[in-house]
Amino acid sequence: MVNSEVTRPSISLLRSAPAPRFGTLEAERALALSPNLAAGYWQRGNTLLFAGQPEKGLADLRTSLRLDPRGSNLTLRLFHFAIGCYFSRGYEDARRGGE
């Protein structure tokens, strides 16, 4: 079980990082420790997505969905996937939900 007191500030820090490189470095460190960590791909994907690199971010979000297709935050991950599709004009992908 993850300590939510540690996780929430970490997520906030990743999203508010002044440069996308910082957020991706933290996610890459987590992925180096656990290459099948869906949350690591999700965080790196979000960082890239909102840093103006939606194609790279979508690749990580797809990986996150593939690794944990029934996770407790599935709705949020699908929402971010749809945002990434919108940013990259992948409307058909958004409709299919990352199949």
PDB file of N, CA and C in Angstrom:
ATOM      1  N   MET A   1       0.834  -1.178   0.000  1.00  0.00           N
ATOM      2  CA  MET A   1       0.000   0.000   0.000  1.00  0.00           C
ATOM      3  C   MET A   1       0.881   1.244   0.000  1.00  0.00           C
ATOM      4  N   VAL A   2       0.504   2.226  -0.789  1.00  0.00           N
ATOM      5  CA  VAL A   2       1.290   3.446  -0.939  1.00  0.00           C
ATOM      6  C   VAL A   2       0.855   4.464   0.108  1.00  0.00           C
ATOM      7  N   ASN A   3       1.812   5.136   0.695  1.00  0.00           N
ATOM      8  CA  ASN A   3       1.529   6.173   1.672  1.00  0.00           C
ATOM      9  C   ASN A   3       1.016   7.407   0.937  1.00  0.00           C
ATOM     10  N   SER A   4      -0.254   7.744   1.107  1.00  0.00           N
ATOM     11  CA  SER A   4      -0.853   8.847   0.370  1.00  0.00           C
ATOM     12  C   SER A   4      -0.259  10.197   0.757  1.00  0.00           C
ATOM     13  N   GLU A   5       0.270  10.313   1.980  1.00  0.00           N
ATOM     14  CA  GLU A   5       0.886  11.567   2.386  1.00  0.00           C
ATOM     15  C   GLU A   5       2.150  11.839   1.588  1.00  0.00           C
ATOM     16  N   VAL A   6       2.804  10.802   1.148  1.00  0.00           N
ATOM     17  CA  VAL A   6       4.005  10.967   0.334  1.00  0.00           C
ATOM     18  C   VAL A   6       3.624  11.109  -1.132  1.00  0.00           C
ATOM     19  N   THR A   7       2.640  10.360  -1.572  1.00  0.00           N
ATOM     20  CA  THR A   7       2.275  10.334  -2.981  1.00  0.00           C
ATOM     21  C   THR A   7       1.682  11.653  -3.450  1.00  0.00           C
ATOM     22  N   ARG A   8       0.771  12.218  -2.697  1.00  0.00           N
ATOM     23  CA  ARG A   8       0.119  13.460  -3.131  1.00  0.00           C
ATOM     24  C   ARG A   8       1.107  14.588  -3.370  1.00  0.00           C
ATOM     25  N   PRO A   9       2.026  14.887  -2.438  1.00  0.00           N
ATOM     26  CA  PRO A   9       2.996  15.941  -2.731  1.00  0.00           C
ATOM     27  C   PRO A   9       3.889  15.599  -3.928  1.00  0.00           C
ATOM     28  N   SER A  10       4.223  14.326  -4.102  1.00  0.00           N
ATOM     29  CA  SER A  10       5.066  13.940  -5.227  1.00  0.00           C
ATOM     30  C   SER A  10       4.361  14.208  -6.540  1.00  0.00           C
ATOM     31  N   ILE A  11       3.080  13.858  -6.609  1.00  0.00           N
ATOM     32  CA  ILE A  11       2.313  14.096  -7.832  1.00  0.00           C
ATOM     33  C   ILE A  11       2.193  15.586  -8.088  1.00  0.00           C
ATOM     34  N   SER A  12       1.913  16.369  -7.044  1.00  0.00           N
ATOM     35  CA  SER A  12       1.810  17.813  -7.206  1.00  0.00           C
ATOM     36  C   SER A  12       3.126  18.403  -7.687  1.00  0.00           C
ATOM     37  N   LEU A  13       4.217  17.903  -7.154  1.00  0.00           N
ATOM     38  CA  LEU A  13       5.527  18.388  -7.547  1.00  0.00           C
ATOM     39  C   LEU A  13       5.791  18.085  -9.016  1.00  0.00           C
ATOM     40  N   LEU A  14       5.448  16.885  -9.454  1.00  0.00           N
ATOM     41  CA  LEU A  14       5.657  16.532 -10.855  1.00  0.00           C
ATOM     42  C   LEU A  14       4.852  17.427 -11.776  1.00  0.00           C
ATOM     43  N   ARG A  15       3.619  17.710 -11.419  1.00  0.00           N
ATOM     44  CA  ARG A  15       2.750  18.505 -12.285  1.00  0.00           C
ATOM     45  C   ARG A  15       3.106  19.974 -12.277  1.00  0.00           C
ATOM     46  N   SER A  16       3.688  20.478 -11.201  1.00  0.00           N
ATOM     47  CA  SER A  16       3.988  21.900 -11.122  1.00  0.00           C
ATOM     48  C   SER A  16       5.453  22.199 -11.428  1.00  0.00           C
ATOM     49  N   ALA A  17       6.188  21.216 -11.872  1.00  0.00           N
ATOM     50  CA  ALA A  17       7.614  21.406 -12.150  1.00  0.00           C
ATOM     51  C   ALA A  17       7.799  22.467 -13.226  1.00  0.00           C
ATOM     52  N   PRO A  18       8.771  23.355 -13.041  1.00  0.00           N
ATOM     53  CA  PRO A  18       8.979  24.430 -14.012  1.00  0.00           C
ATOM     54  C   PRO A  18       9.442  23.920 -15.372  1.00  0.00           C
ATOM     55  N   ALA A  19      10.086  22.800 -15.404  1.00  0.00           N
ATOM     56  CA  ALA A  19      10.564  22.254 -16.671  1.00  0.00           C
ATOM     57  C   ALA A  19      10.124  20.798 -16.749  1.00  0.00           C
ATOM     58  N   PRO A  20       9.662  20.368 -17.928  1.00  0.00           N
ATOM     59  CA  PRO A  20       9.204  18.984 -18.028  1.00  0.00           C
ATOM     60  C   PRO A  20      10.293  17.972 -17.734  1.00  0.00           C
ATOM     61  N   ARG A  21      11.526  18.362 -17.906  1.00  0.00           N
ATOM     62  CA  ARG A  21      12.618  17.425 -17.672  1.00  0.00           C
ATOM     63  C   ARG A  21      12.646  16.954 -16.226  1.00  0.00           C
ATOM     64  N   PHE A  22      12.326  17.836 -15.273  1.00  0.00           N
ATOM     65  CA  PHE A  22      12.330  17.445 -13.870  1.00  0.00           C
ATOM     66  C   PHE A  22      11.294  16.357 -13.616  1.00  0.00           C
ATOM     67  N   GLY A  23      10.082  16.562 -14.108  1.00  0.00           N
ATOM     68  CA  GLY A  23       9.032  15.581 -13.908  1.00  0.00           C
ATOM     69  C   GLY A  23       9.345  14.250 -14.549  1.00  0.00           C
ATOM     70  N   THR A  24       9.931  14.292 -15.728  1.00  0.00           N
ATOM     71  CA  THR A  24      10.262  13.033 -16.388  1.00  0.00           C
ATOM     72  C   THR A  24      11.430  12.340 -15.696  1.00  0.00           C
ATOM     73  N   LEU A  25      12.353  13.106 -15.139  1.00  0.00           N
ATOM     74  CA  LEU A  25      13.472  12.479 -14.420  1.00  0.00           C
ATOM     75  C   LEU A  25      12.977  11.689 -13.224  1.00  0.00           C
ATOM     76  N   GLU A  26      12.033  12.244 -12.479  1.00  0.00           N
ATOM     77  CA  GLU A  26      11.500  11.536 -11.315  1.00  0.00           C
ATOM     78  C   GLU A  26      10.759  10.277 -11.740  1.00  0.00           C
ATOM     79  N   ALA A  27       9.974  10.374 -12.793  1.00  0.00           N
ATOM     80  CA  ALA A  27       9.247   9.194 -13.282  1.00  0.00           C
ATOM     81  C   ALA A  27      10.228   8.154 -13.820  1.00  0.00           C
ATOM     82  N   GLU A  28      11.262   8.598 -14.511  1.00  0.00           N
ATOM     83  CA  GLU A  28      12.266   7.666 -15.040  1.00  0.00           C
ATOM     84  C   GLU A  28      13.011   6.960 -13.911  1.00  0.00           C
ATOM     85  N   ARG A  29      13.251   7.656 -12.820  1.00  0.00           N
ATOM     86  CA  ARG A  29      13.884   7.004 -11.662  1.00  0.00           C
ATOM     87  C   ARG A  29      12.979   5.905 -11.119  1.00  0.00           C
ATOM     88  N   ALA A  30      11.683   6.205 -11.028  1.00  0.00           N
ATOM     89  CA  ALA A  30      10.732   5.198 -10.542  1.00  0.00           C
ATOM     90  C   ALA A  30      10.674   4.012 -11.499  1.00  0.00           C
ATOM     91  N   LEU A  31      10.688   4.278 -12.803  1.00  0.00           N
ATOM     92  CA  LEU A  31      10.627   3.202 -13.795  1.00  0.00           C
ATOM     93  C   LEU A  31      11.915   2.386 -13.826  1.00  0.00           C
ATOM     94  N   ALA A  32      13.032   3.013 -13.498  1.00  0.00           N
ATOM     95  CA  ALA A  32      14.291   2.261 -13.426  1.00  0.00           C
ATOM     96  C   ALA A  32      14.239   1.248 -12.284  1.00  0.00           C
ATOM     97  N   LEU A  33      13.576   1.618 -11.200  1.00  0.00           N
ATOM     98  CA  LEU A  33      13.444   0.711 -10.063  1.00  0.00           C
ATOM     99  C   LEU A  33      12.392  -0.370 -10.316  1.00  0.00           C
ATOM    100  N   SER A  34      11.357   0.001 -11.054  1.00  0.00           N
ATOM    101  CA  SER A  34      10.257  -0.936 -11.319  1.00  0.00           C
ATOM    102  C   SER A  34       9.733  -0.690 -12.732  1.00  0.00           C
ATOM    103  N   PRO A  35      10.277  -1.383 -13.733  1.00  0.00           N
ATOM    104  CA  PRO A  35       9.924  -1.125 -15.132  1.00  0.00           C
ATOM    105  C   PRO A  35       8.465  -1.404 -15.488  1.00  0.00           C
ATOM    106  N   ASN A  36       7.736  -2.116 -14.653  1.00  0.00           N
ATOM    107  CA  ASN A  36       6.329  -2.400 -14.923  1.00  0.00           C
ATOM    108  C   ASN A  36       5.397  -1.563 -14.051  1.00  0.00           C
ATOM    109  N   LEU A  37       5.870  -0.434 -13.591  1.00  0.00           N
ATOM    110  CA  LEU A  37       5.093   0.440 -12.716  1.00  0.00           C
ATOM    111  C   LEU A  37       4.171   1.320 -13.560  1.00  0.00           C
ATOM    112  N   ALA A  38       2.906   0.969 -13.583  1.00  0.00           N
ATOM    113  CA  ALA A  38       1.934   1.719 -14.393  1.00  0.00           C
ATOM    114  C   ALA A  38       1.884   3.188 -13.975  1.00  0.00           C
ATOM    115  N   ALA A  39       1.972   3.460 -12.676  1.00  0.00           N
ATOM    116  CA  ALA A  39       1.922   4.839 -12.186  1.00  0.00           C
ATOM    117  C   ALA A  39       3.100   5.662 -12.693  1.00  0.00           C
ATOM    118  N   GLY A  40       4.256   5.035 -12.854  1.00  0.00           N
ATOM    119  CA  GLY A  40       5.416   5.743 -13.398  1.00  0.00           C
ATOM    120  C   GLY A  40       5.188   6.176 -14.834  1.00  0.00           C
ATOM    121  N   TYR A  41       4.629   5.288 -15.627  1.00  0.00           N
ATOM    122  CA  TYR A  41       4.317   5.639 -17.015  1.00  0.00           C
ATOM    123  C   TYR A  41       3.230   6.708 -17.065  1.00  0.00           C
ATOM    124  N   TRP A  42       2.266   6.600 -16.161  1.00  0.00           N
ATOM    125  CA  TRP A  42       1.187   7.581 -16.128  1.00  0.00           C
ATOM    126  C   TRP A  42       1.740   8.973 -15.791  1.00  0.00           C
ATOM    127  N   GLN A  43       2.605   9.056 -14.779  1.00  0.00           N
ATOM    128  CA  GLN A  43       3.159  10.353 -14.394  1.00  0.00           C
ATOM    129  C   GLN A  43       4.054  10.936 -15.485  1.00  0.00           C
ATOM    130  N   ARG A  44       4.897  10.093 -16.076  1.00  0.00           N
ATOM    131  CA  ARG A  44       5.756  10.602 -17.151  1.00  0.00           C
ATOM    132  C   ARG A  44       4.907  11.022 -18.341  1.00  0.00           C
ATOM    133  N   GLY A  45       3.876  10.233 -18.650  1.00  0.00           N
ATOM    134  CA  GLY A  45       2.982  10.585 -19.748  1.00  0.00           C
ATOM    135  C   GLY A  45       2.282  11.909 -19.512  1.00  0.00           C
ATOM    136  N   ASN A  46       1.796  12.127 -18.296  1.00  0.00           N
ATOM    137  CA  ASN A  46       1.142  13.400 -17.974  1.00  0.00           C
ATOM    138  C   ASN A  46       2.109  14.569 -18.089  1.00  0.00           C
ATOM    139  N   THR A  47       3.321  14.378 -17.586  1.00  0.00           N
ATOM    140  CA  THR A  47       4.311  15.447 -17.659  1.00  0.00           C
ATOM    141  C   THR A  47       4.588  15.819 -19.108  1.00  0.00           C
ATOM    142  N   LEU A  48       4.788  14.815 -19.945  1.00  0.00           N
ATOM    143  CA  LEU A  48       5.052  15.085 -21.365  1.00  0.00           C
ATOM    144  C   LEU A  48       3.826  15.678 -22.054  1.00  0.00           C
ATOM    145  N   LEU A  49       2.675  15.169 -21.723  1.00  0.00           N
ATOM    146  CA  LEU A  49       1.434  15.636 -22.322  1.00  0.00           C
ATOM    147  C   LEU A  49       1.239  17.128 -22.104  1.00  0.00           C
ATOM    148  N   PHE A  50       1.373  17.561 -20.861  1.00  0.00           N
ATOM    149  CA  PHE A  50       1.140  18.959 -20.542  1.00  0.00           C
ATOM    150  C   PHE A  50       2.371  19.839 -20.789  1.00  0.00           C
ATOM    151  N   ALA A  51       3.460  19.238 -21.225  1.00  0.00           N
ATOM    152  CA  ALA A  51       4.656  19.998 -21.604  1.00  0.00           C
ATOM    153  C   ALA A  51       4.712  20.202 -23.116  1.00  0.00           C
ATOM    154  N   GLY A  52       3.626  19.840 -23.802  1.00  0.00           N
ATOM    155  CA  GLY A  52       3.569  20.080 -25.238  1.00  0.00           C
ATOM    156  C   GLY A  52       4.100  18.945 -26.087  1.00  0.00           C
ATOM    157  N   GLN A  53       4.240  17.758 -25.518  1.00  0.00           N
ATOM    158  CA  GLN A  53       4.701  16.598 -26.269  1.00  0.00           C
ATOM    159  C   GLN A  53       3.645  15.493 -26.179  1.00  0.00           C
ATOM    160  N   PRO A  54       2.453  15.746 -26.758  1.00  0.00           N
ATOM    161  CA  PRO A  54       1.353  14.798 -26.571  1.00  0.00           C
ATOM    162  C   PRO A  54       1.603  13.412 -27.156  1.00  0.00           C
ATOM    163  N   GLU A  55       2.337  13.314 -28.250  1.00  0.00           N
ATOM    164  CA  GLU A  55       2.573  11.991 -28.838  1.00  0.00           C
ATOM    165  C   GLU A  55       3.394  11.112 -27.899  1.00  0.00           C
ATOM    166  N   LYS A  56       4.448  11.685 -27.341  1.00  0.00           N
ATOM    167  CA  LYS A  56       5.278  10.927 -26.385  1.00  0.00           C
ATOM    168  C   LYS A  56       4.482  10.615 -25.118  1.00  0.00           C
ATOM    169  N   GLY A  57       3.705  11.589 -24.664  1.00  0.00           N
ATOM    170  CA  GLY A  57       2.894  11.374 -23.480  1.00  0.00           C
ATOM    171  C   GLY A  57       1.843  10.290 -23.691  1.00  0.00           C
ATOM    172  N   LEU A  58       1.223  10.278 -24.868  1.00  0.00           N
ATOM    173  CA  LEU A  58       0.218   9.262 -25.168  1.00  0.00           C
ATOM    174  C   LEU A  58       0.821   7.859 -25.172  1.00  0.00           C
ATOM    175  N   ALA A  59       2.044   7.738 -25.655  1.00  0.00           N
ATOM    176  CA  ALA A  59       2.697   6.418 -25.653  1.00  0.00           C
ATOM    177  C   ALA A  59       2.826   5.894 -24.224  1.00  0.00           C
ATOM    178  N   ASP A  60       3.223   6.767 -23.298  1.00  0.00           N
ATOM    179  CA  ASP A  60       3.346   6.343 -21.897  1.00  0.00           C
ATOM    180  C   ASP A  60       1.980   6.079 -21.270  1.00  0.00           C
ATOM    181  N   LEU A  61       0.990   6.894 -21.607  1.00  0.00           N
ATOM    182  CA  LEU A  61      -0.349   6.662 -21.067  1.00  0.00           C
ATOM    183  C   LEU A  61      -0.913   5.342 -21.564  1.00  0.00           C
ATOM    184  N   ARG A  62      -0.655   5.006 -22.823  1.00  0.00           N
ATOM    185  CA  ARG A  62      -1.092   3.699 -23.356  1.00  0.00           C
ATOM    186  C   ARG A  62      -0.425   2.558 -22.586  1.00  0.00           C
ATOM    187  N   THR A  63       0.874   2.720 -22.320  1.00  0.00           N
ATOM    188  CA  THR A  63       1.599   1.692 -21.571  1.00  0.00           C
ATOM    189  C   THR A  63       1.014   1.542 -20.172  1.00  0.00           C
ATOM    190  N   SER A  64       0.694   2.655 -19.538  1.00  0.00           N
ATOM    191  CA  SER A  64       0.090   2.611 -18.211  1.00  0.00           C
ATOM    192  C   SER A  64      -1.236   1.858 -18.238  1.00  0.00           C
ATOM    193  N   LEU A  65      -2.055   2.126 -19.244  1.00  0.00           N
ATOM    194  CA  LEU A  65      -3.348   1.440 -19.366  1.00  0.00           C
ATOM    195  C   LEU A  65      -3.160  -0.051 -19.649  1.00  0.00           C
ATOM    196  N   ARG A  66      -2.144  -0.379 -20.416  1.00  0.00           N
ATOM    197  CA  ARG A  66      -1.887  -1.786 -20.725  1.00  0.00           C
ATOM    198  C   ARG A  66      -1.405  -2.535 -19.484  1.00  0.00           C
ATOM    199  N   LEU A  67      -0.548  -1.895 -18.680  1.00  0.00           N
ATOM    200  CA  LEU A  67       0.006  -2.552 -17.492  1.00  0.00           C
ATOM    201  C   LEU A  67      -1.011  -2.687 -16.364  1.00  0.00           C
ATOM    202  N   ASP A  68      -1.938  -1.756 -16.280  1.00  0.00           N
ATOM    203  CA  ASP A  68      -2.914  -1.780 -15.187  1.00  0.00           C
ATOM    204  C   ASP A  68      -4.290  -1.397 -15.730  1.00  0.00           C
ATOM    205  N   PRO A  69      -4.930  -2.312 -16.457  1.00  0.00           N
ATOM    206  CA  PRO A  69      -6.184  -1.970 -17.132  1.00  0.00           C
ATOM    207  C   PRO A  69      -7.382  -1.817 -16.205  1.00  0.00           C
ATOM    208  N   ARG A  70      -7.261  -2.179 -14.950  1.00  0.00           N
ATOM    209  CA  ARG A  70      -8.395  -2.088 -14.025  1.00  0.00           C
ATOM    210  C   ARG A  70      -8.041  -1.345 -12.737  1.00  0.00           C
ATOM    211  N   GLY A  71      -7.044  -0.504 -12.789  1.00  0.00           N
ATOM    212  CA  GLY A  71      -6.599   0.198 -11.591  1.00  0.00           C
ATOM    213  C   GLY A  71      -7.648   1.137 -11.029  1.00  0.00           C
ATOM    214  N   SER A  72      -7.459   1.510  -9.778  1.00  0.00           N
ATOM    215  CA  SER A  72      -8.440   2.356  -9.092  1.00  0.00           C
ATOM    216  C   SER A  72      -8.557   3.742  -9.723  1.00  0.00           C
ATOM    217  N   ASN A  73      -7.530   4.181 -10.433  1.00  0.00           N
ATOM    218  CA  ASN A  73      -7.568   5.502 -11.064  1.00  0.00           C
ATOM    219  C   ASN A  73      -7.808   5.393 -12.575  1.00  0.00           C
ATOM    220  N   LEU A  74      -8.458   4.331 -13.007  1.00  0.00           N
ATOM    221  CA  LEU A  74      -8.682   4.102 -14.439  1.00  0.00           C
ATOM    222  C   LEU A  74      -9.424   5.262 -15.088  1.00  0.00           C
ATOM    223  N   THR A  75     -10.455   5.765 -14.447  1.00  0.00           N
ATOM    224  CA  THR A  75     -11.229   6.859 -15.028  1.00  0.00           C
ATOM    225  C   THR A  75     -10.341   8.083 -15.266  1.00  0.00           C
ATOM    226  N   LEU A  76      -9.505   8.399 -14.303  1.00  0.00           N
ATOM    227  CA  LEU A  76      -8.609   9.547 -14.440  1.00  0.00           C
ATOM    228  C   LEU A  76      -7.588   9.311 -15.549  1.00  0.00           C
ATOM    229  N   ARG A  77      -7.048   8.095 -15.633  1.00  0.00           N
ATOM    230  CA  ARG A  77      -6.074   7.803 -16.690  1.00  0.00           C
ATOM    231  C   ARG A  77      -6.716   7.875 -18.066  1.00  0.00           C
ATOM    232  N   LEU A  78      -7.946   7.396 -18.201  1.00  0.00           N
ATOM    233  CA  LEU A  78      -8.656   7.501 -19.482  1.00  0.00           C
ATOM    234  C   LEU A  78      -8.962   8.956 -19.824  1.00  0.00           C
ATOM    235  N   PHE A  79      -9.283   9.743 -18.805  1.00  0.00           N
ATOM    236  CA  PHE A  79      -9.521  11.172 -19.014  1.00  0.00           C
ATOM    237  C   PHE A  79      -8.262  11.846 -19.547  1.00  0.00           C
ATOM    238  N   HIS A  80      -7.111  11.563 -18.947  1.00  0.00           N
ATOM    239  CA  HIS A  80      -5.860  12.153 -19.419  1.00  0.00           C
ATOM    240  C   HIS A  80      -5.513  11.650 -20.817  1.00  0.00           C
ATOM    241  N   PHE A  81      -5.831  10.387 -21.091  1.00  0.00           N
ATOM    242  CA  PHE A  81      -5.605   9.861 -22.438  1.00  0.00           C
ATOM    243  C   PHE A  81      -6.449  10.641 -23.448  1.00  0.00           C
ATOM    244  N   ALA A  82      -7.704  10.912 -23.104  1.00  0.00           N
ATOM    245  CA  ALA A  82      -8.575  11.681 -24.008  1.00  0.00           C
ATOM    246  C   ALA A  82      -8.045  13.094 -24.215  1.00  0.00           C
ATOM    247  N   ILE A  83      -7.521  13.709 -23.155  1.00  0.00           N
ATOM    248  CA  ILE A  83      -6.923  15.041 -23.291  1.00  0.00           C
ATOM    249  C   ILE A  83      -5.739  14.988 -24.248  1.00  0.00           C
ATOM    250  N   GLY A  84      -4.898  13.958 -24.102  1.00  0.00           N
ATOM    251  CA  GLY A  84      -3.749  13.808 -24.998  1.00  0.00           C
ATOM    252  C   GLY A  84      -4.177  13.626 -26.437  1.00  0.00           C
ATOM    253  N   CYS A  85      -5.226  12.868 -26.647  1.00  0.00           N
ATOM    254  CA  CYS A  85      -5.745  12.687 -28.011  1.00  0.00           C
ATOM    255  C   CYS A  85      -6.239  14.010 -28.572  1.00  0.00           C
ATOM    256  N   TYR A  86      -6.894  14.792 -27.731  1.00  0.00           N
ATOM    257  CA  TYR A  86      -7.370  16.107 -28.171  1.00  0.00           C
ATOM    258  C   TYR A  86      -6.190  17.004 -28.545  1.00  0.00           C
ATOM    259  N   PHE A  87      -5.164  17.038 -27.685  1.00  0.00           N
ATOM    260  CA  PHE A  87      -3.996  17.867 -27.964  1.00  0.00           C
ATOM    261  C   PHE A  87      -3.316  17.476 -29.271  1.00  0.00           C
ATOM    262  N   SER A  88      -3.303  16.189 -29.568  1.00  0.00           N
ATOM    263  CA  SER A  88      -2.617  15.723 -30.781  1.00  0.00           C
ATOM    264  C   SER A  88      -3.591  15.533 -31.951  1.00  0.00           C
ATOM    265  N   ARG A  89      -4.835  15.939 -31.756  1.00  0.00           N
ATOM    266  CA  ARG A  89      -5.889  15.835 -32.773  1.00  0.00           C
ATOM    267  C   ARG A  89      -6.181  14.373 -33.159  1.00  0.00           C
ATOM    268  N   GLY A  90      -6.005  13.477 -32.221  1.00  0.00           N
ATOM    269  CA  GLY A  90      -6.295  12.065 -32.444  1.00  0.00           C
ATOM    270  C   GLY A  90      -7.703  11.744 -31.966  1.00  0.00           C
ATOM    271  N   TYR A  91      -8.674  12.357 -32.602  1.00  0.00           N
ATOM    272  CA  TYR A  91     -10.053  12.253 -32.133  1.00  0.00           C
ATOM    273  C   TYR A  91     -10.586  10.818 -32.195  1.00  0.00           C
ATOM    274  N   GLU A  92     -10.199  10.081 -33.199  1.00  0.00           N
ATOM    275  CA  GLU A  92     -10.666   8.706 -33.312  1.00  0.00           C
ATOM    276  C   GLU A  92     -10.088   7.836 -32.187  1.00  0.00           C
ATOM    277  N   ASP A  93      -8.823   8.080 -31.833  1.00  0.00           N
ATOM    278  CA  ASP A  93      -8.215   7.357 -30.698  1.00  0.00           C
ATOM    279  C   ASP A  93      -8.954   7.677 -29.395  1.00  0.00           C
ATOM    280  N   ALA A  94      -9.346   8.938 -29.227  1.00  0.00           N
ATOM    281  CA  ALA A  94     -10.069   9.327 -28.024  1.00  0.00           C
ATOM    282  C   ALA A  94     -11.405   8.601 -27.955  1.00  0.00           C
ATOM    283  N   ARG A  95     -12.067   8.476 -29.072  1.00  0.00           N
ATOM    284  CA  ARG A  95     -13.355   7.792 -29.097  1.00  0.00           C
ATOM    285  C   ARG A  95     -13.224   6.337 -28.714  1.00  0.00           C
ATOM    286  N   ARG A  96     -12.142   5.693 -29.169  1.00  0.00           N
ATOM    287  CA  ARG A  96     -11.924   4.279 -28.861  1.00  0.00           C
ATOM    288  C   ARG A  96     -11.393   4.058 -27.460  1.00  0.00           C
ATOM    289  N   GLY A  97     -10.884   5.086 -26.812  1.00  0.00           N
ATOM    290  CA  GLY A  97     -10.417   4.958 -25.429  1.00  0.00           C
ATOM    291  C   GLY A  97      -9.107   4.220 -25.266  1.00  0.00           C
ATOM    292  N   GLY A  98      -8.205   4.308 -26.225  1.00  0.00           N
ATOM    293  CA  GLY A  98      -6.899   3.707 -26.087  1.00  0.00           C
ATOM    294  C   GLY A  98      -6.828   2.217 -26.329  1.00  0.00           C
ATOM    295  N   GLU A  99      -7.793   1.691 -27.048  1.00  0.00           N
ATOM    296  CA  GLU A  99      -7.803   0.251 -27.338  1.00  0.00           C
ATOM    297  C   GLU A  99      -6.523  -0.191 -28.021  1.00  0.00           C
TER     298      GLU A  99
END
